[in-house]
Amino acid sequence: MFRQKIHLEPGKGWLNDPNGLCYLDGKYHVFFQYTPEDAQGDGLRCWGHFESTDNAKSWTFTGITIKPDIPEDRDGVFSGSAVACDGLMHLFYTGNVSGADRASYQIHVTTRDGITISDKRVIMSQNDYPDYCTRDVRDPKVWIEDGKWKMVLGARTGNNKGCVIMYEADDPDDWHFVKQLTVDNFGYMWECPDIFNIDGKRFMSACPQGLKHEEYRNQNVYSSGYFRVTDEGIEDFEEYDLGFDFYAPQTFVNEYDERILIGWMGMCDTYYSNPTYKLGWQHCLTIPRKLSLTEDGHIRQWPVINHDLYGKLEENPENRVRDTELPCDIVAMLNGNDYEIKIDDAAIRYIDGVLYLDLTRRDIGTGRDARAAKVGELKDLRIIIDRTSIEIFANGGRYVMSSRFYPSKEQVGIVSRGGGFLIRQIDKMEVRDLEQ
């Protein structure tokens, strides 16, 4: 019951941030924050590991890759990233030490297979951060550019200002500080930074905590989005996803040199819940999303699903109920007017330039209520529905809304008005668990 079919989720325990995303020697590797013994996340964080050799048609969960077992990570192996280089994955993460002697350490290990790791090397401690930073410095994202190793870290200053700090190195164990990136009055802590290029344009991801909530923006407890990087600094923050469940995204380059984003389909400190914790597991990752640019320079996200999993394409006219086994992929047939599609008790509506996700009926959202996004003219609408999730892509992925929801049965009724829809069933990904 409630098992996802085309999203990565743990067999047991708690999953949160995606980490160490990379492609190496014919395999995709997805590491993630993992607390295996408690579905509500109480306990020490580790890194779990999935791998795929067939372009995400099937996956293998190999188990825990990194455990907290040295003084510098004794209270948790926190988030980080990977660099695939010369047949090795270089993994970088934050080692957490809590309590009276709280500290954050940046740690480097290598692995060839994602299973067996090298000795841990502490590459940064509190003395290596600018003196205006608190002990909240974490989530190293590392890459190689122009022959240099580069790193960004999320940080919080002593006067509660969120920022990203950047480092460079010729050797991945020997770093020096370069600069700070921030904007005024924009949250107290920036988590999970990432810097990348798309079509020659440079962007910086961050997850600012402490933003003011608005009717159409920053509706989640914590926000997640991107800035444009210019010669002067960073500007024009925009959220990636306007739904209930999206945080801590990370990007990597796949075998086709495409920029792919994966996020955590979850959120901390929420007023809503996921009933699977009673069954022994909680949370999943988003479907991988290919990033590209709109004509006016905004990032758009498009779902990446192995085409071998797709069934035939069928048309469903408006006002006719379609009983459907999940998962499925839906494309709306818009006629230029308002549009509504209902999936069981969940509803997606477009009215006068605003796209709504309504999960209030019969508590199908288990506490999630409604979200709204200003999208202007709705040119296209695609919806990926798994057993307990909805991912909505509007206007070519310029606007995205992701959420968990919990229909009582695997077969749901789908009906639309204001136009019909095209639908394809999606077969279940095979996920093999080596720990079972």
Protein backbone atom coordinates (compact mmCIF):
# COMPACT_ATOMS: atom_id res chain seq x y z
CA MET A 1 0.00 0.00 0.00
CA PHE A 2 1.22 3.51 -0.89
CA ARG A 3 4.42 2.26 -2.55
CA GLN A 4 5.67 4.55 -5.31
CA LYS A 5 6.35 2.89 -8.67
CA ILE A 6 8.45 5.36 -10.67
CA HIS A 7 10.12 7.31 -7.84
CA LEU A 8 13.08 6.30 -5.71
CA GLU A 9 12.15 5.75 -2.08
CA PRO A 10 13.63 3.69 0.76
CA GLY A 11 12.46 0.22 1.63
CA LYS A 12 12.47 1.35 5.24
CA GLY A 13 13.35 4.43 7.26
CA TRP A 14 13.58 8.09 6.31
CA LEU A 15 14.88 9.66 3.11
CA ASN A 16 15.59 13.35 2.54
CA ASP A 17 18.15 15.29 0.44
CA PRO A 18 19.55 13.79 -2.77
CA ASN A 19 23.35 13.75 -2.61
CA GLY A 20 26.28 12.71 -4.76
CA LEU A 21 24.40 12.62 -8.07
CA CYS A 22 26.70 11.56 -10.90
CA TYR A 23 27.23 9.37 -13.96
CA LEU A 24 30.36 7.21 -14.10
CA ASP A 25 31.42 4.38 -16.40
CA GLY A 26 27.93 3.49 -17.61
CA LYS A 27 26.16 3.84 -14.26
CA TYR A 28 23.96 6.48 -12.71
CA HIS A 29 24.56 6.97 -8.99
CA VAL A 30 22.08 8.58 -6.60
CA PHE A 31 23.13 8.93 -2.98
CA PHE A 32 20.69 10.34 -0.45
CA GLN A 33 20.28 11.33 3.17
CA TYR A 34 19.12 8.22 4.97
CA THR A 35 18.04 7.30 8.48
CA PRO A 36 17.35 3.59 8.07
CA GLU A 37 16.00 2.73 11.50
CA ASP A 38 13.36 5.43 11.96
CA ALA A 39 10.72 6.55 9.46
CA GLN A 40 10.37 9.94 11.16
CA GLY A 41 14.07 10.75 10.81
CA ASP A 42 15.06 10.33 14.44
CA GLY A 43 18.54 8.89 14.54
CA LEU A 44 21.89 9.32 12.85
CA ARG A 45 21.92 10.38 9.22
CA CYS A 46 23.86 8.21 6.75
CA TRP A 47 24.21 8.17 2.97
CA GLY A 48 22.23 5.51 1.14
CA HIS A 49 22.94 4.61 -2.49
CA PHE A 50 20.96 3.66 -5.61
CA GLU A 51 22.54 2.81 -8.96
CA SER A 52 21.19 2.19 -12.46
CA THR A 53 22.85 0.73 -15.54
CA ASP A 54 19.90 1.09 -17.95
CA ASN A 55 19.10 4.79 -17.95
CA ALA A 56 16.76 4.64 -14.96
CA LYS A 57 14.52 1.81 -16.15
CA SER A 58 15.59 -0.18 -13.11
CA TRP A 59 17.59 0.57 -9.99
CA THR A 60 19.53 -1.29 -7.33
CA PHE A 61 19.66 -0.13 -3.73
CA THR A 62 23.09 -1.19 -2.47
CA GLY A 63 22.61 -0.02 1.11
CA ILE A 64 24.48 2.46 3.30
CA THR A 65 27.65 3.90 1.77
CA ILE A 66 28.76 6.39 4.45
CA LYS A 67 28.08 6.04 8.18
CA PRO A 68 28.97 8.43 11.01
CA ASP A 69 32.02 6.70 12.48
CA ILE A 70 34.71 9.33 13.14
CA PRO A 71 34.74 12.19 15.67
CA GLU A 72 34.14 14.76 12.92
CA ASP A 73 30.85 13.18 11.75
CA ARG A 74 29.76 11.52 14.98
CA ASP A 75 26.28 13.13 14.94
CA GLY A 76 25.48 12.61 11.30
CA VAL A 77 26.70 12.37 7.72
CA PHE A 78 24.99 15.42 6.27
CA SER A 79 24.47 16.51 2.67
CA GLY A 80 27.06 16.89 -0.06
CA SER A 81 27.89 16.03 -3.65
CA ALA A 82 30.02 13.96 -6.02
CA VAL A 83 32.55 14.56 -8.77
CA ALA A 84 33.18 11.74 -11.25
CA CYS A 85 36.85 11.96 -12.26
CA ASP A 86 39.38 9.41 -13.63
CA GLY A 87 37.29 6.38 -12.76
CA LEU A 88 36.51 7.52 -9.21
CA MET A 89 33.62 9.21 -7.50
CA HIS A 90 34.92 11.89 -5.16
CA LEU A 91 32.27 12.31 -2.46
CA PHE A 92 32.16 15.44 -0.32
CA TYR A 93 29.85 15.83 2.66
CA THR A 94 29.37 17.72 5.92
CA GLY A 95 30.17 15.90 9.11
CA ASN A 96 27.91 17.12 11.90
CA VAL A 97 28.93 17.49 15.53
CA SER A 98 26.15 18.75 17.80
CA GLY A 99 25.89 19.73 21.42
CA ALA A 100 28.04 22.20 23.35
CA ASP A 101 31.00 21.71 20.99
CA ARG A 102 28.87 22.04 17.86
CA ALA A 103 30.87 22.15 14.63
CA SER A 104 30.60 21.30 10.95
CA TYR A 105 33.40 19.59 9.07
CA GLN A 106 33.74 19.10 5.32
CA ILE A 107 34.91 15.58 4.54
CA HIS A 108 36.20 13.91 1.35
CA VAL A 109 36.10 10.22 0.44
CA THR A 110 36.43 8.35 -2.85
CA THR A 111 34.75 5.24 -4.20
CA ARG A 112 34.75 3.29 -7.46
CA ASP A 113 31.45 1.49 -6.97
CA GLY A 114 29.40 3.56 -4.52
CA ILE A 115 29.69 0.76 -1.97
CA THR A 116 33.25 0.65 -0.63
CA ILE A 117 34.82 3.98 0.33
CA SER A 118 38.34 5.22 1.07
CA ASP A 119 39.50 6.55 4.40
CA LYS A 120 37.78 9.79 5.37
CA ARG A 121 39.80 12.99 4.97
CA VAL A 122 38.70 16.12 6.83
CA ILE A 123 39.34 18.99 4.41
CA MET A 124 37.71 21.90 6.28
CA SER A 125 36.89 22.78 9.87
CA GLN A 126 35.62 25.91 11.59
CA ASN A 127 38.93 27.76 11.21
CA ASP A 128 38.67 27.44 7.43
CA TYR A 129 35.42 29.44 7.19
CA PRO A 130 35.20 33.24 7.23
CA ASP A 131 35.08 34.51 10.80
CA TYR A 132 31.65 36.08 10.23
CA CYS A 133 30.10 32.62 9.73
CA THR A 134 28.38 30.72 12.51
CA ARG A 135 28.83 26.98 12.92
CA ASP A 136 26.05 26.48 10.36
CA VAL A 137 28.24 25.80 7.31
CA ARG A 138 27.26 22.78 5.27
CA ASP A 139 26.24 20.98 2.06
CA PRO A 140 29.38 21.15 -0.15
CA LYS A 141 28.65 21.12 -3.88
CA VAL A 142 31.88 20.46 -5.78
CA TRP A 143 32.71 20.51 -9.48
CA ILE A 144 35.70 20.93 -11.81
CA GLU A 145 35.84 23.99 -14.07
CA ASP A 146 38.72 25.28 -16.18
CA GLY A 147 41.05 22.80 -14.53
CA LYS A 148 40.15 23.97 -11.00
CA TRP A 149 38.23 22.20 -8.28
CA LYS A 150 35.46 24.49 -7.04
CA MET A 151 33.13 24.29 -4.06
CA VAL A 152 30.17 26.20 -2.67
CA LEU A 153 28.87 25.84 0.87
CA GLY A 154 25.64 27.04 2.47
CA ALA A 155 26.15 29.28 5.49
CA ARG A 156 24.65 31.52 8.13
CA THR A 157 26.38 34.62 9.44
CA GLY A 158 26.57 35.82 13.02
CA ASN A 159 23.90 38.44 12.31
CA ASN A 160 21.52 35.79 10.88
CA LYS A 161 22.10 36.47 7.20
CA GLY A 162 22.05 33.60 4.75
CA CYS A 163 24.86 33.31 2.22
CA VAL A 164 26.91 30.98 0.05
CA ILE A 165 30.70 30.85 0.40
CA MET A 166 32.92 29.74 -2.46
CA TYR A 167 36.28 27.95 -2.46
CA GLU A 168 38.81 26.77 -5.07
CA ALA A 169 41.56 24.14 -5.11
CA ASP A 170 44.19 22.55 -7.29
CA ASP A 171 43.98 19.50 -5.03
CA PRO A 172 40.58 18.36 -3.67
CA ASP A 173 42.06 18.10 -0.18
CA ASP A 174 43.52 21.64 -0.06
CA TRP A 175 41.03 24.52 -0.46
CA HIS A 176 41.21 28.31 -0.22
CA PHE A 177 38.39 30.82 0.22
CA VAL A 178 37.40 32.92 -2.82
CA LYS A 179 34.28 34.96 -2.06
CA GLN A 180 30.82 35.22 -0.55
CA LEU A 181 27.58 35.33 -2.55
CA THR A 182 24.48 36.83 -0.95
CA VAL A 183 21.71 39.42 -1.23
CA ASP A 184 20.34 41.63 1.50
CA ASN A 185 17.34 40.71 3.64
CA PHE A 186 16.83 37.24 2.18
CA GLY A 187 16.59 34.70 4.95
CA TYR A 188 18.80 33.61 7.81
CA MET A 189 20.36 30.42 6.35
CA TRP A 190 21.00 29.21 2.78
CA GLU A 191 21.20 25.44 2.38
CA CYS A 192 22.09 23.10 -0.48
CA PRO A 193 23.87 25.50 -2.89
CA ASP A 194 24.74 24.56 -6.46
CA ILE A 195 26.31 26.51 -9.34
CA PHE A 196 25.96 25.48 -12.98
CA ASN A 197 25.62 26.72 -16.56
CA ILE A 198 22.74 26.21 -18.99
CA ASP A 199 23.17 27.36 -22.59
CA GLY A 200 25.99 29.68 -21.59
CA LYS A 201 24.03 31.30 -18.73
CA ARG A 202 25.16 30.86 -15.12
CA PHE A 203 22.86 30.10 -12.20
CA MET A 204 23.16 29.45 -8.49
CA SER A 205 20.70 27.25 -6.60
CA ALA A 206 20.04 27.77 -2.92
CA CYS A 207 17.45 26.91 -0.30
CA PRO A 208 16.91 30.09 1.74
CA GLN A 209 15.29 29.63 5.13
CA GLY A 210 13.34 32.45 6.71
CA LEU A 211 11.73 34.11 3.68
CA LYS A 212 8.45 35.96 4.09
CA HIS A 213 5.53 33.85 2.85
CA GLU A 214 3.36 35.36 0.11
CA GLU A 215 0.16 34.39 -1.65
CA TYR A 216 1.88 33.12 -4.80
CA ARG A 217 5.53 32.94 -3.72
CA ASN A 218 7.53 31.30 -0.93
CA GLN A 219 4.50 29.38 0.24
CA ASN A 220 6.49 26.53 1.78
CA VAL A 221 8.09 26.54 5.22
CA TYR A 222 11.47 26.76 3.46
CA SER A 223 12.09 27.89 -0.10
CA SER A 224 14.16 26.43 -2.92
CA GLY A 225 15.14 28.20 -6.11
CA TYR A 226 17.81 29.80 -8.24
CA PHE A 227 19.54 33.12 -8.81
CA ARG A 228 21.10 34.42 -11.99
CA VAL A 229 24.87 34.86 -11.58
CA THR A 230 26.32 38.04 -13.08
CA ASP A 231 29.69 39.79 -12.91
CA GLU A 232 28.25 41.89 -10.10
CA GLY A 233 26.92 38.98 -8.03
CA ILE A 234 23.55 37.20 -7.89
CA GLU A 235 20.02 38.46 -8.57
CA ASP A 236 16.41 37.59 -9.45
CA PHE A 237 15.59 34.63 -7.19
CA GLU A 238 12.92 32.32 -8.60
CA GLU A 239 11.49 29.18 -7.06
CA TYR A 240 11.90 25.85 -8.80
CA ASP A 241 8.66 24.34 -7.59
CA LEU A 242 5.46 25.86 -6.20
CA GLY A 243 3.98 22.70 -4.71
CA PHE A 244 3.92 21.33 -1.19
CA ASP A 245 6.76 18.81 -1.44
CA PHE A 246 10.03 19.97 -2.95
CA TYR A 247 13.34 20.86 -1.34
CA ALA A 248 17.13 20.44 -1.47
CA PRO A 249 17.55 19.92 -5.25
CA GLN A 250 20.88 19.02 -6.77
CA THR A 251 21.99 18.91 -10.40
CA PHE A 252 24.48 16.85 -12.39
CA VAL A 253 25.40 16.23 -16.02
CA ASN A 254 24.26 12.93 -17.55
CA GLU A 255 25.82 10.84 -20.30
CA TYR A 256 24.24 13.08 -22.96
CA ASP A 257 25.76 16.24 -21.44
CA GLU A 258 22.33 17.36 -20.23
CA ARG A 259 21.84 19.14 -16.93
CA ILE A 260 19.56 16.99 -14.74
CA LEU A 261 17.90 18.05 -11.47
CA ILE A 262 16.60 15.76 -8.73
CA GLY A 263 14.94 17.09 -5.59
CA TRP A 264 13.62 15.75 -2.34
CA MET A 265 9.86 15.30 -2.60
CA GLY A 266 9.41 16.29 0.99
CA MET A 267 9.67 19.20 3.39
CA CYS A 268 10.70 19.64 7.02
CA ASP A 269 8.69 21.25 9.81
CA THR A 270 5.35 21.03 7.99
CA TYR A 271 1.77 21.07 9.22
CA TYR A 272 0.94 18.14 6.90
CA SER A 273 2.06 14.53 7.03
CA ASN A 274 2.78 11.29 5.16
CA PRO A 275 0.92 8.23 6.45
CA THR A 276 3.67 5.87 5.28
CA TYR A 277 5.68 6.57 8.44
CA LYS A 278 3.26 4.22 10.18
CA LEU A 279 4.25 1.57 7.63
CA GLY A 280 7.97 1.99 8.23
CA TRP A 281 9.19 4.41 5.56
CA GLN A 282 8.81 8.04 4.52
CA HIS A 283 9.58 10.31 1.54
CA CYS A 284 10.88 9.87 -1.99
CA LEU A 285 12.90 11.73 -4.62
CA THR A 286 11.39 13.59 -7.56
CA ILE A 287 11.48 12.25 -11.07
CA PRO A 288 14.71 13.43 -12.72
CA ARG A 289 14.15 16.69 -14.62
CA LYS A 290 16.10 17.97 -17.61
CA LEU A 291 16.88 21.68 -17.32
CA SER A 292 16.78 24.10 -20.24
CA LEU A 293 15.99 27.78 -20.77
CA THR A 294 12.88 29.55 -21.97
CA GLU A 295 13.26 32.24 -24.61
CA ASP A 296 13.32 34.91 -21.90
CA GLY A 297 15.98 33.14 -19.85
CA HIS A 298 14.02 31.32 -17.14
CA ILE A 299 14.84 27.74 -16.19
CA ARG A 300 12.32 25.14 -17.23
CA GLN A 301 12.19 21.56 -16.00
CA TRP A 302 11.03 18.58 -17.99
CA PRO A 303 10.53 15.06 -16.58
CA VAL A 304 12.90 12.33 -17.71
CA ILE A 305 11.32 8.87 -17.75
CA ASN A 306 12.68 5.85 -19.62
CA HIS A 307 10.47 5.46 -22.71
CA ASP A 308 10.55 1.67 -22.37
CA LEU A 309 8.23 2.07 -19.38
CA TYR A 310 5.46 3.76 -21.40
CA GLY A 311 2.26 2.18 -22.67
CA LYS A 312 0.25 3.35 -25.67
CA LEU A 313 -1.08 6.88 -25.94
CA GLU A 314 -4.87 7.17 -25.61
CA GLU A 315 -7.29 10.09 -25.82
CA ASN A 316 -9.96 10.76 -23.22
CA PRO A 317 -12.69 13.35 -23.99
CA GLU A 318 -13.82 15.88 -21.41
CA ASN A 319 -16.54 14.95 -18.91
CA ARG A 320 -15.86 11.23 -19.32
CA VAL A 321 -14.42 9.44 -16.27
CA ARG A 322 -11.35 7.35 -16.99
CA ASP A 323 -10.57 4.64 -14.43
CA THR A 324 -6.80 4.38 -14.42
CA GLU A 325 -4.12 2.33 -12.72
CA LEU A 326 -1.28 4.50 -11.45
CA PRO A 327 1.29 5.62 -12.48
CA CYS A 328 0.38 7.54 -15.63
CA ASP A 329 1.41 10.54 -17.71
CA ILE A 330 -1.31 13.03 -18.72
CA VAL A 331 -1.22 15.86 -21.25
CA ALA A 332 -4.17 18.26 -21.16
CA MET A 333 -6.03 19.06 -24.38
CA LEU A 334 -6.58 22.76 -23.77
CA ASN A 335 -9.17 24.74 -25.71
CA GLY A 336 -8.09 28.21 -24.58
CA ASN A 337 -10.55 28.52 -21.70
CA ASP A 338 -10.47 27.54 -18.04
CA TYR A 339 -9.55 23.91 -17.43
CA GLU A 340 -9.99 21.43 -14.58
CA ILE A 341 -8.83 17.86 -14.12
CA LYS A 342 -9.66 15.70 -11.12
CA ILE A 343 -7.61 12.69 -10.04
CA ASP A 344 -9.64 10.91 -7.38
CA ASP A 345 -10.25 13.69 -4.83
CA ALA A 346 -7.33 15.84 -6.00
CA ALA A 347 -8.09 18.70 -8.38
CA ILE A 348 -5.91 20.82 -10.70
CA ARG A 349 -7.61 23.96 -12.01
CA TYR A 350 -6.62 26.77 -14.33
CA ILE A 351 -8.68 29.94 -13.89
CA ASP A 352 -7.85 33.41 -15.22
CA GLY A 353 -4.08 33.00 -15.39
CA VAL A 354 -3.68 31.07 -12.12
CA LEU A 355 -2.99 27.36 -11.75
CA TYR A 356 -4.37 25.76 -8.59
CA LEU A 357 -3.63 22.45 -6.88
CA ASP A 358 -6.45 21.56 -4.48
CA LEU A 359 -5.98 18.67 -2.03
CA THR A 360 -8.61 19.67 0.52
CA ARG A 361 -11.35 17.20 -0.35
CA ARG A 362 -11.64 14.22 2.00
CA ASP A 363 -8.12 14.96 3.26
CA ILE A 364 -6.48 13.29 0.27
CA GLY A 365 -3.50 15.54 0.97
CA THR A 366 -3.27 14.36 4.60
CA GLY A 367 -3.18 17.97 5.77
CA ARG A 368 -2.07 19.63 2.53
CA ASP A 369 -4.65 22.15 1.43
CA ALA A 370 -4.31 24.27 -1.74
CA ARG A 371 -1.57 26.01 -3.67
CA ALA A 372 -1.71 28.58 -6.44
CA ALA A 373 0.77 29.71 -9.11
CA LYS A 374 0.51 32.66 -11.47
CA VAL A 375 1.32 31.24 -14.91
CA GLY A 376 -0.33 33.75 -17.27
CA GLU A 377 -1.66 32.13 -20.43
CA LEU A 378 -1.68 28.34 -20.04
CA LYS A 379 -0.08 26.99 -23.21
CA ASP A 380 0.36 23.37 -22.15
CA LEU A 381 -0.07 21.21 -19.07
CA ARG A 382 1.56 17.86 -18.28
CA ILE A 383 0.92 15.83 -15.12
CA ILE A 384 2.93 12.83 -13.90
CA ILE A 385 0.95 10.84 -11.32
CA ASP A 386 2.49 8.05 -9.27
CA ARG A 387 0.86 6.00 -6.54
CA THR A 388 1.19 8.82 -4.00
CA SER A 389 2.51 11.86 -5.88
CA ILE A 390 1.59 14.49 -8.45
CA GLU A 391 4.14 16.49 -10.45
CA ILE A 392 2.64 19.26 -12.60
CA PHE A 393 4.55 20.90 -15.48
CA ALA A 394 2.98 23.98 -17.06
CA ASN A 395 4.14 25.98 -20.09
CA GLY A 396 6.91 23.60 -21.05
CA GLY A 397 8.07 23.20 -17.46
CA ARG A 398 8.43 26.92 -16.80
CA TYR A 399 6.14 26.41 -13.78
CA VAL A 400 6.18 23.24 -11.67
CA MET A 401 4.10 22.07 -8.70
CA SER A 402 4.92 18.85 -6.85
CA SER A 403 3.05 17.20 -4.02
CA ARG A 404 2.39 13.95 -2.27
CA PHE A 405 -1.22 12.77 -2.08
CA TYR A 406 -2.77 9.56 -0.85
CA PRO A 407 -5.69 8.07 -2.79
CA SER A 408 -7.16 5.03 -1.08
CA LYS A 409 -6.82 2.76 -4.14
CA GLU A 410 -4.26 2.18 -6.88
CA GLN A 411 -6.98 2.67 -9.51
CA VAL A 412 -8.33 6.21 -9.60
CA GLY A 413 -11.01 7.98 -11.58
CA ILE A 414 -9.76 10.85 -13.76
CA VAL A 415 -12.11 13.35 -15.39
CA SER A 416 -11.61 16.76 -17.00
CA ARG A 417 -13.70 19.71 -18.15
CA GLY A 418 -12.76 22.55 -20.48
CA GLY A 419 -10.99 20.02 -22.69
CA GLY A 420 -10.02 16.37 -22.68
CA PHE A 421 -6.63 14.78 -22.06
CA LEU A 422 -4.12 12.36 -23.55
CA ILE A 423 -2.95 9.60 -21.23
CA ARG A 424 -0.24 6.96 -21.13
CA GLN A 425 0.17 4.28 -18.49
CA ILE A 426 3.68 3.88 -17.07
CA ASP A 427 5.09 0.52 -16.01
CA LYS A 428 6.69 0.15 -12.61
CA MET A 429 10.45 0.62 -12.36
CA GLU A 430 12.25 -2.41 -11.01
CA VAL A 431 14.04 -1.57 -7.75
CA ARG A 432 16.21 -4.32 -6.33
CA ASP A 433 17.21 -4.07 -2.67
CA LEU A 434 20.49 -5.79 -1.84
CA GLU A 435 19.78 -5.42 1.87
CA GLN A 436 16.70 -7.63 1.72
